[in-house]
């Protein structure tokens, strides 16, 4: 939802998406507007242990005045693939190409994260634990973060999630349709709705 996991997309996956972020979640970005934020992005997985992404974020409904749009590159490298008794392990960074250096990335992050899945009566339980480093002026997550995912065996298109993003607890659910279309709904801090719509293709 808000924090990353060590799960990687399949090699050659290209994802296009758009997200709505409640202003409580994006309060660092254009806090003076107190506006919700619209994000659109593209994500490419290749090699197959590298993910690169670009996203563009802008506040909604800002009448009669100019405003800054935040552009962000991110990258993830999988250092260890998940096996029977070993979690997957990923190192990642957000906004690392910002021309303003460490001061102004609004959604900056440098992190390490591990994820392990368990089968419980044919259901899938995923456990994620990570750490976000205090590097940027504004860090999307800082310190320990983690979460749980649950996918029931009788409805594998649904994933239920709960996480602690180093600041608050978020809950949500993801619905996957036709193995291509992904719908995500999140209650951040149990009360503020954000959502995501994504479409995935294999190159």
N, C-alpha and C. Protein backbone atom coordinates (compact mmCIF):
# COMPACT_ATOMS: atom_id res chain seq x y z
N UNK A 1 0.85 -1.20 0.00
CA UNK A 1 0.00 0.00 0.00
C UNK A 1 0.87 1.24 0.00
N UNK A 2 1.37 1.62 1.19
CA UNK A 2 2.28 2.77 1.26
C UNK A 2 3.73 2.31 1.28
N UNK A 3 4.02 1.24 2.02
CA UNK A 3 5.39 0.76 2.12
C UNK A 3 5.66 -0.31 1.07
N UNK A 4 6.92 -0.47 0.68
CA UNK A 4 7.25 -1.49 -0.32
C UNK A 4 7.39 -2.87 0.32
N UNK A 5 7.32 -3.88 -0.51
CA UNK A 5 7.66 -5.24 -0.11
C UNK A 5 8.85 -5.69 -0.94
N UNK A 6 9.30 -6.91 -0.70
CA UNK A 6 10.41 -7.47 -1.50
C UNK A 6 9.89 -8.34 -2.63
N UNK A 7 8.58 -8.27 -2.90
CA UNK A 7 7.99 -9.02 -4.01
C UNK A 7 8.28 -8.27 -5.31
N UNK A 8 8.80 -8.99 -6.29
CA UNK A 8 9.10 -8.41 -7.59
C UNK A 8 8.08 -8.89 -8.62
N UNK A 9 7.80 -8.04 -9.60
CA UNK A 9 6.96 -8.44 -10.71
C UNK A 9 7.72 -9.43 -11.61
N UNK A 10 7.00 -10.12 -12.47
CA UNK A 10 7.64 -11.03 -13.41
C UNK A 10 8.53 -10.25 -14.38
N UNK A 11 9.57 -10.90 -14.84
CA UNK A 11 10.48 -10.30 -15.81
C UNK A 11 9.70 -9.85 -17.05
N UNK A 12 9.91 -8.60 -17.47
CA UNK A 12 9.22 -8.07 -18.63
C UNK A 12 7.87 -7.45 -18.32
N UNK A 13 7.54 -7.29 -17.03
CA UNK A 13 6.27 -6.67 -16.66
C UNK A 13 6.33 -5.16 -16.83
N UNK A 14 5.33 -4.61 -17.47
CA UNK A 14 5.19 -3.17 -17.63
C UNK A 14 3.84 -2.77 -17.06
N UNK A 15 3.85 -1.87 -16.10
CA UNK A 15 2.63 -1.47 -15.40
C UNK A 15 2.41 0.02 -15.57
N UNK A 16 1.18 0.38 -15.96
CA UNK A 16 0.75 1.77 -16.00
C UNK A 16 -0.34 1.94 -14.94
N UNK A 17 -0.26 3.03 -14.18
CA UNK A 17 -1.26 3.19 -13.12
C UNK A 17 -1.52 4.64 -12.79
N UNK A 18 -2.61 4.84 -12.05
CA UNK A 18 -2.98 6.15 -11.54
C UNK A 18 -3.47 5.96 -10.10
N UNK A 19 -3.05 6.88 -9.22
CA UNK A 19 -3.40 6.80 -7.81
C UNK A 19 -4.02 8.11 -7.34
N UNK A 20 -4.95 7.97 -6.42
CA UNK A 20 -5.51 9.12 -5.71
C UNK A 20 -4.99 9.05 -4.27
N UNK A 21 -4.31 10.11 -3.83
CA UNK A 21 -3.75 10.15 -2.48
C UNK A 21 -4.49 11.20 -1.65
N UNK A 22 -5.05 10.77 -0.54
CA UNK A 22 -5.68 11.70 0.38
C UNK A 22 -4.65 12.70 0.89
N UNK A 23 -5.08 13.95 1.11
CA UNK A 23 -4.13 14.99 1.49
C UNK A 23 -3.43 14.71 2.81
N UNK A 24 -4.03 13.89 3.68
CA UNK A 24 -3.34 13.52 4.92
C UNK A 24 -2.09 12.69 4.62
N UNK A 25 -2.17 11.87 3.59
CA UNK A 25 -1.03 11.07 3.19
C UNK A 25 0.04 11.91 2.50
N UNK A 26 -0.38 12.91 1.76
CA UNK A 26 0.55 13.71 0.96
C UNK A 26 0.74 15.11 1.55
N UNK A 27 0.64 15.24 2.86
CA UNK A 27 0.66 16.57 3.46
C UNK A 27 2.00 17.28 3.32
N UNK A 28 3.09 16.53 3.12
CA UNK A 28 4.39 17.18 2.91
C UNK A 28 4.43 17.87 1.56
N UNK A 29 3.75 17.28 0.58
CA UNK A 29 3.77 17.81 -0.77
C UNK A 29 2.70 18.89 -0.90
N UNK A 30 3.11 20.12 -1.12
CA UNK A 30 2.19 21.26 -1.26
C UNK A 30 1.25 21.35 -0.06
N UNK A 31 1.83 21.34 1.13
CA UNK A 31 1.02 21.38 2.34
C UNK A 31 0.19 22.65 2.43
N UNK A 32 0.67 23.74 1.81
CA UNK A 32 -0.06 25.00 1.90
C UNK A 32 -1.39 24.93 1.17
N UNK A 33 -1.54 24.00 0.20
CA UNK A 33 -2.79 23.87 -0.52
C UNK A 33 -3.79 22.99 0.24
N UNK A 34 -3.27 22.10 1.07
CA UNK A 34 -4.12 21.14 1.76
C UNK A 34 -5.02 20.41 0.77
N UNK A 35 -4.42 19.93 -0.33
CA UNK A 35 -5.16 19.31 -1.42
C UNK A 35 -4.83 17.83 -1.55
N UNK A 36 -5.80 17.08 -2.05
CA UNK A 36 -5.52 15.69 -2.42
C UNK A 36 -4.59 15.70 -3.64
N UNK A 37 -3.96 14.56 -3.89
CA UNK A 37 -2.94 14.47 -4.92
C UNK A 37 -3.29 13.36 -5.91
N UNK A 38 -3.09 13.63 -7.20
CA UNK A 38 -3.25 12.64 -8.25
C UNK A 38 -1.87 12.23 -8.75
N UNK A 39 -1.66 10.93 -8.83
CA UNK A 39 -0.37 10.39 -9.26
C UNK A 39 -0.59 9.49 -10.47
N UNK A 40 0.26 9.62 -11.49
CA UNK A 40 0.28 8.61 -12.54
C UNK A 40 1.71 8.14 -12.73
N UNK A 41 1.86 6.87 -13.10
CA UNK A 41 3.19 6.27 -13.07
C UNK A 41 3.31 5.13 -14.07
N UNK A 42 4.56 4.73 -14.30
CA UNK A 42 4.88 3.56 -15.11
C UNK A 42 6.00 2.81 -14.41
N UNK A 43 5.91 1.48 -14.45
CA UNK A 43 6.87 0.62 -13.75
C UNK A 43 7.30 -0.50 -14.68
N UNK A 44 8.60 -0.72 -14.79
CA UNK A 44 9.15 -1.76 -15.67
C UNK A 44 10.07 -2.67 -14.88
N UNK A 45 9.86 -3.99 -15.00
CA UNK A 45 10.72 -4.99 -14.38
C UNK A 45 11.51 -5.71 -15.46
N UNK A 46 12.82 -5.81 -15.25
CA UNK A 46 13.65 -6.48 -16.25
C UNK A 46 14.84 -7.13 -15.56
N UNK A 47 15.46 -8.05 -16.21
CA UNK A 47 16.71 -8.75 -15.88
C UNK A 47 16.63 -10.09 -15.11
N UNK A 48 15.76 -10.50 -14.28
CA UNK A 48 14.46 -9.98 -13.81
C UNK A 48 14.51 -9.48 -12.37
N UNK A 49 15.63 -8.96 -11.94
CA UNK A 49 15.79 -8.58 -10.54
C UNK A 49 15.87 -7.06 -10.36
N UNK A 50 15.47 -6.31 -11.38
CA UNK A 50 15.51 -4.85 -11.31
C UNK A 50 14.15 -4.28 -11.70
N UNK A 51 13.67 -3.33 -10.91
CA UNK A 51 12.47 -2.57 -11.24
C UNK A 51 12.82 -1.10 -11.31
N UNK A 52 12.37 -0.44 -12.35
CA UNK A 52 12.53 1.01 -12.49
C UNK A 52 11.14 1.63 -12.67
N UNK A 53 10.94 2.79 -12.09
CA UNK A 53 9.63 3.43 -12.19
C UNK A 53 9.77 4.94 -12.29
N UNK A 54 8.79 5.54 -12.94
CA UNK A 54 8.67 7.00 -12.99
C UNK A 54 7.25 7.36 -12.60
N UNK A 55 7.12 8.39 -11.75
CA UNK A 55 5.79 8.84 -11.40
C UNK A 55 5.73 10.35 -11.34
N UNK A 56 4.53 10.87 -11.58
CA UNK A 56 4.28 12.29 -11.62
C UNK A 56 3.14 12.59 -10.65
N UNK A 57 3.35 13.52 -9.72
CA UNK A 57 2.35 13.83 -8.70
C UNK A 57 1.98 15.31 -8.75
N UNK A 58 0.69 15.58 -8.65
CA UNK A 58 0.23 16.96 -8.65
C UNK A 58 -1.01 17.13 -7.79
N UNK A 59 -1.16 18.26 -7.09
CA UNK A 59 -2.34 18.50 -6.26
C UNK A 59 -3.59 18.71 -7.11
N UNK A 60 -4.73 18.28 -6.59
CA UNK A 60 -6.00 18.42 -7.29
C UNK A 60 -6.70 19.72 -6.91
N UNK A 61 -7.45 20.27 -7.87
CA UNK A 61 -8.34 21.40 -7.62
C UNK A 61 -7.61 22.59 -7.00
N UNK A 62 -6.61 23.08 -7.71
CA UNK A 62 -5.91 24.29 -7.28
C UNK A 62 -6.30 25.40 -8.25
N UNK A 63 -7.36 26.14 -7.98
CA UNK A 63 -7.88 27.11 -8.96
C UNK A 63 -7.06 28.38 -9.01
N UNK A 64 -6.84 28.88 -10.23
CA UNK A 64 -6.34 30.22 -10.43
C UNK A 64 -4.91 30.48 -10.02
N UNK A 65 -4.09 29.43 -9.84
CA UNK A 65 -2.71 29.69 -9.46
C UNK A 65 -1.83 28.57 -9.97
N UNK A 66 -0.57 28.89 -10.21
CA UNK A 66 0.39 27.89 -10.65
C UNK A 66 0.79 27.01 -9.48
N UNK A 67 1.19 25.79 -9.80
CA UNK A 67 1.64 24.91 -8.74
C UNK A 67 2.71 23.97 -9.30
N UNK A 68 3.51 23.47 -8.40
CA UNK A 68 4.61 22.60 -8.78
C UNK A 68 4.11 21.16 -8.93
N UNK A 69 4.60 20.46 -9.95
CA UNK A 69 4.35 19.04 -10.13
C UNK A 69 5.62 18.29 -9.72
N UNK A 70 5.47 17.29 -8.90
CA UNK A 70 6.62 16.53 -8.42
C UNK A 70 6.85 15.32 -9.32
N UNK A 71 8.06 15.21 -9.87
CA UNK A 71 8.44 14.07 -10.71
C UNK A 71 9.44 13.22 -9.94
N UNK A 72 9.27 11.90 -10.03
CA UNK A 72 10.09 11.03 -9.21
C UNK A 72 10.49 9.77 -9.97
N UNK A 73 11.78 9.44 -9.94
CA UNK A 73 12.27 8.16 -10.40
C UNK A 73 12.53 7.27 -9.18
N UNK A 74 12.29 5.99 -9.34
CA UNK A 74 12.60 5.04 -8.27
C UNK A 74 13.19 3.78 -8.88
N UNK A 75 13.93 3.04 -8.05
CA UNK A 75 14.56 1.81 -8.51
C UNK A 75 14.60 0.81 -7.36
N UNK A 76 14.48 -0.47 -7.73
CA UNK A 76 14.54 -1.56 -6.76
C UNK A 76 15.43 -2.66 -7.34
N UNK A 77 16.29 -3.20 -6.49
CA UNK A 77 17.15 -4.31 -6.89
C UNK A 77 16.93 -5.46 -5.92
N UNK A 78 16.59 -6.62 -6.45
CA UNK A 78 16.39 -7.80 -5.60
C UNK A 78 17.73 -8.49 -5.40
N UNK A 79 18.20 -8.46 -4.17
CA UNK A 79 19.50 -9.05 -3.83
C UNK A 79 19.38 -10.53 -3.49
N UNK A 80 18.19 -10.95 -3.09
CA UNK A 80 17.97 -12.35 -2.71
C UNK A 80 16.56 -12.75 -3.09
N UNK A 81 16.42 -13.87 -3.79
CA UNK A 81 15.12 -14.36 -4.19
C UNK A 81 14.54 -15.27 -3.12
N UNK A 82 13.22 -15.26 -2.98
CA UNK A 82 12.58 -16.07 -1.95
C UNK A 82 12.66 -17.56 -2.28
N UNK A 83 13.08 -18.34 -1.28
CA UNK A 83 13.09 -19.80 -1.38
C UNK A 83 12.32 -20.36 -0.19
N UNK A 84 12.35 -21.66 -0.05
CA UNK A 84 11.51 -22.34 0.94
C UNK A 84 11.72 -21.78 2.35
N UNK A 85 12.96 -21.61 2.76
CA UNK A 85 13.24 -21.15 4.12
C UNK A 85 13.93 -19.79 4.13
N UNK A 86 13.98 -19.11 2.99
CA UNK A 86 14.70 -17.85 2.88
C UNK A 86 13.78 -16.77 2.33
N UNK A 87 13.71 -15.60 2.96
CA UNK A 87 12.88 -14.51 2.41
C UNK A 87 13.56 -13.84 1.24
N UNK A 88 12.77 -13.19 0.41
CA UNK A 88 13.35 -12.33 -0.62
C UNK A 88 13.82 -11.04 0.04
N UNK A 89 14.83 -10.42 -0.56
CA UNK A 89 15.44 -9.23 0.03
C UNK A 89 15.68 -8.21 -1.08
N UNK A 90 15.24 -6.97 -0.85
CA UNK A 90 15.31 -5.91 -1.85
C UNK A 90 15.90 -4.65 -1.25
N UNK A 91 16.71 -3.97 -2.05
CA UNK A 91 17.19 -2.62 -1.72
C UNK A 91 16.56 -1.65 -2.72
N UNK A 92 16.03 -0.53 -2.22
CA UNK A 92 15.34 0.39 -3.12
C UNK A 92 15.55 1.85 -2.75
N UNK A 93 15.24 2.72 -3.70
CA UNK A 93 15.35 4.17 -3.48
C UNK A 93 14.30 4.89 -4.29
N UNK A 94 13.71 5.94 -3.70
CA UNK A 94 12.76 6.81 -4.36
C UNK A 94 13.38 8.20 -4.52
N UNK A 95 13.12 8.81 -5.65
CA UNK A 95 13.52 10.20 -5.90
C UNK A 95 15.03 10.41 -5.81
N UNK A 96 15.79 9.40 -6.16
CA UNK A 96 17.25 9.49 -6.04
C UNK A 96 17.89 10.35 -7.14
N UNK A 97 17.14 10.71 -8.18
CA UNK A 97 17.67 11.55 -9.25
C UNK A 97 17.20 13.00 -9.15
N UNK A 98 16.66 13.37 -7.99
CA UNK A 98 16.15 14.73 -7.82
C UNK A 98 17.26 15.75 -8.03
N UNK A 99 16.99 16.77 -8.87
CA UNK A 99 17.99 17.79 -9.15
C UNK A 99 18.22 18.71 -7.96
N UNK A 100 17.32 18.66 -6.97
CA UNK A 100 17.48 19.52 -5.79
C UNK A 100 18.14 18.78 -4.63
N UNK A 101 18.70 17.62 -4.92
CA UNK A 101 19.46 16.90 -3.91
C UNK A 101 18.61 16.35 -2.79
N UNK A 102 19.15 16.40 -1.57
CA UNK A 102 18.50 15.77 -0.44
C UNK A 102 17.37 16.60 0.16
N UNK A 103 17.24 17.88 -0.21
CA UNK A 103 16.35 18.78 0.52
C UNK A 103 14.89 18.67 0.11
N UNK A 104 14.61 18.54 -1.19
CA UNK A 104 13.24 18.73 -1.66
C UNK A 104 12.49 17.50 -2.16
N UNK A 105 13.07 16.30 -2.22
CA UNK A 105 12.24 15.16 -2.63
C UNK A 105 11.08 14.97 -1.65
N UNK A 106 9.85 15.11 -2.14
CA UNK A 106 8.69 15.04 -1.24
C UNK A 106 8.36 13.61 -0.85
N UNK A 107 8.69 12.66 -1.72
CA UNK A 107 8.39 11.26 -1.43
C UNK A 107 9.68 10.44 -1.45
N UNK A 108 10.76 11.02 -1.00
CA UNK A 108 12.05 10.35 -1.03
C UNK A 108 12.12 9.17 -0.06
N UNK A 109 12.93 8.19 -0.41
CA UNK A 109 13.12 7.03 0.48
C UNK A 109 14.34 6.24 0.02
N UNK A 110 15.08 5.75 0.99
CA UNK A 110 16.10 4.73 0.77
C UNK A 110 15.84 3.65 1.79
N UNK A 111 15.71 2.42 1.34
CA UNK A 111 15.23 1.38 2.24
C UNK A 111 15.77 0.01 1.88
N UNK A 112 15.69 -0.89 2.85
CA UNK A 112 15.89 -2.32 2.63
C UNK A 112 14.64 -3.02 3.15
N UNK A 113 14.25 -4.13 2.51
CA UNK A 113 13.03 -4.82 2.92
C UNK A 113 13.12 -6.30 2.58
N UNK A 114 12.51 -7.12 3.43
CA UNK A 114 12.48 -8.57 3.22
C UNK A 114 11.03 -9.04 3.29
N UNK A 115 10.69 -10.05 2.50
CA UNK A 115 9.33 -10.61 2.47
C UNK A 115 9.41 -12.13 2.40
N UNK A 116 8.54 -12.78 3.19
CA UNK A 116 8.45 -14.24 3.17
C UNK A 116 6.98 -14.64 3.16
N UNK A 117 6.63 -15.64 2.34
CA UNK A 117 5.26 -16.15 2.25
C UNK A 117 5.15 -17.52 2.90
N UNK A 118 3.99 -17.75 3.52
CA UNK A 118 3.72 -19.01 4.19
C UNK A 118 2.37 -19.54 3.72
N UNK A 119 2.27 -20.85 3.56
CA UNK A 119 1.00 -21.50 3.23
C UNK A 119 0.34 -21.99 4.50
N UNK A 120 -0.86 -21.49 4.75
CA UNK A 120 -1.62 -21.87 5.94
C UNK A 120 -2.96 -22.43 5.48
N UNK A 121 -3.10 -23.74 5.55
CA UNK A 121 -4.31 -24.43 5.07
C UNK A 121 -4.64 -23.96 3.65
N UNK A 122 -3.63 -23.95 2.78
CA UNK A 122 -3.74 -23.58 1.38
C UNK A 122 -3.95 -22.08 1.15
N UNK A 123 -4.05 -21.31 2.23
CA UNK A 123 -4.11 -19.86 2.10
C UNK A 123 -2.70 -19.29 2.13
N UNK A 124 -2.51 -18.12 1.53
CA UNK A 124 -1.19 -17.50 1.47
C UNK A 124 -1.11 -16.33 2.44
N UNK A 125 -0.10 -16.38 3.31
CA UNK A 125 0.15 -15.29 4.25
C UNK A 125 1.54 -14.73 3.96
N UNK A 126 1.62 -13.43 3.70
CA UNK A 126 2.89 -12.79 3.41
C UNK A 126 3.30 -11.87 4.55
N UNK A 127 4.55 -11.97 4.94
CA UNK A 127 5.10 -11.14 6.02
C UNK A 127 6.23 -10.29 5.46
N UNK A 128 6.13 -8.97 5.67
CA UNK A 128 7.13 -8.03 5.18
C UNK A 128 7.68 -7.21 6.35
N UNK A 129 9.01 -7.04 6.35
CA UNK A 129 9.66 -6.21 7.37
C UNK A 129 10.78 -5.43 6.69
N UNK A 130 10.82 -4.12 6.93
CA UNK A 130 11.83 -3.30 6.29
C UNK A 130 12.28 -2.14 7.16
N UNK A 131 13.25 -1.40 6.63
CA UNK A 131 13.77 -0.24 7.36
C UNK A 131 14.03 0.89 6.36
N UNK A 132 13.48 2.08 6.67
CA UNK A 132 13.70 3.27 5.85
C UNK A 132 14.73 4.17 6.51
N UNK A 133 15.73 4.58 5.74
CA UNK A 133 16.83 5.37 6.29
C UNK A 133 16.49 6.86 6.29
N UNK A 134 17.03 7.58 7.26
CA UNK A 134 16.82 9.02 7.39
C UNK A 134 17.86 9.73 6.52
N UNK A 135 17.53 9.88 5.25
CA UNK A 135 18.47 10.46 4.30
C UNK A 135 17.98 11.79 3.74
N UNK A 136 16.70 11.84 3.32
CA UNK A 136 16.14 13.05 2.73
C UNK A 136 15.52 13.95 3.81
N UNK A 137 15.26 15.19 3.42
CA UNK A 137 14.54 16.10 4.32
C UNK A 137 13.14 15.56 4.59
N UNK A 138 12.50 15.05 3.53
CA UNK A 138 11.18 14.43 3.66
C UNK A 138 11.31 12.97 3.25
N UNK A 139 11.14 12.07 4.20
CA UNK A 139 11.22 10.64 3.92
C UNK A 139 9.81 10.05 3.92
N UNK A 140 9.48 9.31 2.88
CA UNK A 140 8.15 8.72 2.79
C UNK A 140 7.90 7.76 3.95
N UNK A 141 8.92 7.03 4.34
CA UNK A 141 8.87 6.20 5.55
C UNK A 141 10.26 6.20 6.16
N UNK A 142 10.31 6.18 7.48
CA UNK A 142 11.58 6.32 8.17
C UNK A 142 11.57 5.41 9.39
N UNK A 143 12.60 4.59 9.54
CA UNK A 143 12.63 3.62 10.63
C UNK A 143 12.00 2.31 10.20
N UNK A 144 11.61 1.51 11.18
CA UNK A 144 11.03 0.20 10.90
C UNK A 144 9.63 0.32 10.31
N UNK A 145 9.34 -0.48 9.30
CA UNK A 145 8.00 -0.60 8.75
C UNK A 145 7.74 -2.07 8.44
N UNK A 146 6.48 -2.43 8.27
CA UNK A 146 6.18 -3.82 7.96
C UNK A 146 4.71 -4.01 7.70
N UNK A 147 4.36 -5.23 7.29
CA UNK A 147 2.96 -5.50 7.00
C UNK A 147 2.68 -6.97 6.77
N UNK A 148 1.40 -7.27 6.70
CA UNK A 148 0.91 -8.62 6.44
C UNK A 148 -0.04 -8.59 5.26
N UNK A 149 0.02 -9.61 4.41
CA UNK A 149 -0.96 -9.80 3.34
C UNK A 149 -1.58 -11.18 3.51
N UNK A 150 -2.85 -11.29 3.14
CA UNK A 150 -3.55 -12.56 3.23
C UNK A 150 -4.36 -12.78 1.96
N UNK A 151 -4.12 -13.90 1.28
CA UNK A 151 -4.86 -14.26 0.08
C UNK A 151 -5.56 -15.59 0.32
N UNK A 152 -6.90 -15.60 0.36
CA UNK A 152 -7.62 -16.86 0.61
C UNK A 152 -7.54 -17.79 -0.60
N UNK A 153 -7.47 -19.07 -0.33
CA UNK A 153 -7.35 -20.06 -1.41
C UNK A 153 -8.60 -20.10 -2.29
N UNK A 154 -9.76 -19.81 -1.72
CA UNK A 154 -11.00 -19.88 -2.49
C UNK A 154 -11.26 -18.64 -3.33
N UNK A 155 -10.43 -17.58 -3.14
CA UNK A 155 -10.60 -16.36 -3.92
C UNK A 155 -9.22 -15.70 -4.12
N UNK A 156 -8.37 -16.30 -4.96
CA UNK A 156 -7.00 -15.81 -5.11
C UNK A 156 -6.89 -14.45 -5.78
N UNK A 157 -7.99 -13.93 -6.31
CA UNK A 157 -7.94 -12.59 -6.91
C UNK A 157 -7.96 -11.47 -5.86
N UNK A 158 -8.22 -11.84 -4.60
CA UNK A 158 -8.33 -10.86 -3.53
C UNK A 158 -7.12 -10.95 -2.61
N UNK A 159 -6.61 -9.80 -2.23
CA UNK A 159 -5.54 -9.75 -1.24
C UNK A 159 -5.92 -8.74 -0.17
N UNK A 160 -5.91 -9.17 1.09
CA UNK A 160 -6.18 -8.29 2.22
C UNK A 160 -4.86 -7.87 2.84
N UNK A 161 -4.75 -6.61 3.27
CA UNK A 161 -3.47 -6.09 3.73
C UNK A 161 -3.62 -5.22 4.97
N UNK A 162 -2.62 -5.29 5.82
CA UNK A 162 -2.48 -4.36 6.94
C UNK A 162 -0.99 -4.05 7.07
N UNK A 163 -0.67 -2.79 7.36
CA UNK A 163 0.74 -2.40 7.43
C UNK A 163 0.93 -1.28 8.44
N UNK A 164 2.17 -1.17 8.90
CA UNK A 164 2.60 -0.01 9.67
C UNK A 164 3.69 0.68 8.84
N UNK A 165 3.43 1.91 8.42
CA UNK A 165 4.34 2.58 7.49
C UNK A 165 5.39 3.44 8.19
N UNK A 166 5.67 3.12 9.44
CA UNK A 166 6.61 3.81 10.33
C UNK A 166 5.96 5.03 11.00
N UNK A 167 4.72 5.34 10.60
CA UNK A 167 4.00 6.45 11.22
C UNK A 167 2.62 6.02 11.71
N UNK A 168 1.82 5.41 10.82
CA UNK A 168 0.45 5.01 11.16
C UNK A 168 0.19 3.60 10.63
N UNK A 169 -0.94 3.04 11.04
CA UNK A 169 -1.37 1.73 10.55
C UNK A 169 -2.39 1.93 9.43
N UNK A 170 -2.20 1.24 8.32
CA UNK A 170 -3.10 1.30 7.17
C UNK A 170 -3.69 -0.07 6.91
N UNK A 171 -4.92 -0.10 6.43
CA UNK A 171 -5.57 -1.35 6.05
C UNK A 171 -6.10 -1.19 4.63
N UNK A 172 -6.19 -2.30 3.90
CA UNK A 172 -6.69 -2.19 2.53
C UNK A 172 -6.90 -3.53 1.89
N UNK A 173 -7.33 -3.48 0.64
CA UNK A 173 -7.60 -4.69 -0.12
C UNK A 173 -7.29 -4.43 -1.59
N UNK A 174 -6.80 -5.49 -2.26
CA UNK A 174 -6.49 -5.42 -3.69
C UNK A 174 -7.29 -6.47 -4.43
N UNK A 175 -7.85 -6.07 -5.56
CA UNK A 175 -8.59 -6.98 -6.43
C UNK A 175 -7.89 -7.04 -7.78
N UNK A 176 -7.58 -8.26 -8.25
CA UNK A 176 -6.92 -8.46 -9.53
C UNK A 176 -7.90 -9.11 -10.50
N UNK A 177 -8.12 -8.47 -11.65
CA UNK A 177 -9.07 -8.95 -12.64
C UNK A 177 -8.32 -9.32 -13.92
N UNK A 178 -8.59 -10.52 -14.44
CA UNK A 178 -8.04 -10.98 -15.72
C UNK A 178 -6.50 -11.02 -15.72
N UNK A 179 -5.89 -11.09 -14.52
CA UNK A 179 -4.43 -11.09 -14.38
C UNK A 179 -3.77 -9.85 -14.97
N UNK A 180 -4.55 -8.80 -15.19
CA UNK A 180 -4.03 -7.59 -15.82
C UNK A 180 -4.43 -6.31 -15.08
N UNK A 181 -5.65 -6.26 -14.61
CA UNK A 181 -6.19 -5.04 -14.01
C UNK A 181 -6.17 -5.17 -12.48
N UNK A 182 -5.56 -4.17 -11.82
CA UNK A 182 -5.43 -4.20 -10.37
C UNK A 182 -6.13 -2.99 -9.75
N UNK A 183 -6.99 -3.25 -8.78
CA UNK A 183 -7.71 -2.20 -8.06
C UNK A 183 -7.31 -2.28 -6.58
N UNK A 184 -6.90 -1.14 -6.03
CA UNK A 184 -6.45 -1.10 -4.64
C UNK A 184 -7.18 -0.01 -3.90
N UNK A 185 -7.72 -0.35 -2.73
CA UNK A 185 -8.34 0.63 -1.85
C UNK A 185 -7.68 0.58 -0.48
N UNK A 186 -7.38 1.76 0.08
CA UNK A 186 -6.63 1.84 1.33
C UNK A 186 -7.32 2.82 2.28
N UNK A 187 -7.39 2.45 3.55
CA UNK A 187 -7.76 3.39 4.60
C UNK A 187 -6.49 3.69 5.39
N UNK A 188 -5.94 4.86 5.17
CA UNK A 188 -4.71 5.25 5.86
C UNK A 188 -5.05 5.76 7.25
N UNK A 189 -4.33 5.24 8.22
CA UNK A 189 -4.61 5.55 9.63
C UNK A 189 -6.04 5.16 9.97
N UNK A 190 -6.57 4.14 9.27
CA UNK A 190 -7.91 3.57 9.48
C UNK A 190 -9.04 4.51 9.07
N UNK A 191 -8.74 5.66 8.44
CA UNK A 191 -9.83 6.61 8.21
C UNK A 191 -9.75 7.38 6.90
N UNK A 192 -8.58 7.57 6.31
CA UNK A 192 -8.44 8.41 5.13
C UNK A 192 -8.27 7.54 3.88
N UNK A 193 -9.23 7.64 2.95
CA UNK A 193 -9.22 6.75 1.78
C UNK A 193 -8.25 7.23 0.71
N UNK A 194 -7.48 6.30 0.18
CA UNK A 194 -6.68 6.49 -1.03
C UNK A 194 -6.88 5.27 -1.91
N UNK A 195 -6.62 5.41 -3.20
CA UNK A 195 -6.87 4.28 -4.10
C UNK A 195 -5.93 4.27 -5.27
N UNK A 196 -5.89 3.13 -5.96
CA UNK A 196 -5.01 2.96 -7.10
C UNK A 196 -5.67 2.07 -8.15
N UNK A 197 -5.45 2.41 -9.43
CA UNK A 197 -5.89 1.61 -10.56
C UNK A 197 -4.68 1.38 -11.45
N UNK A 198 -4.38 0.12 -11.78
CA UNK A 198 -3.20 -0.19 -12.57
C UNK A 198 -3.52 -1.25 -13.60
N UNK A 199 -2.79 -1.19 -14.73
CA UNK A 199 -2.94 -2.16 -15.81
C UNK A 199 -1.55 -2.73 -16.13
N UNK A 200 -1.45 -4.06 -16.17
CA UNK A 200 -0.16 -4.71 -16.35
C UNK A 200 -0.14 -5.51 -17.64
N UNK A 201 0.99 -5.41 -18.36
CA UNK A 201 1.20 -6.21 -19.55
C UNK A 201 2.57 -6.88 -19.45
N UNK A 202 2.75 -7.98 -20.16
CA UNK A 202 4.03 -8.67 -20.22
C UNK A 202 4.65 -8.45 -21.60
N UNK A 203 5.84 -7.91 -21.62
CA UNK A 203 6.52 -7.61 -22.88
C UNK A 203 7.13 -8.88 -23.48
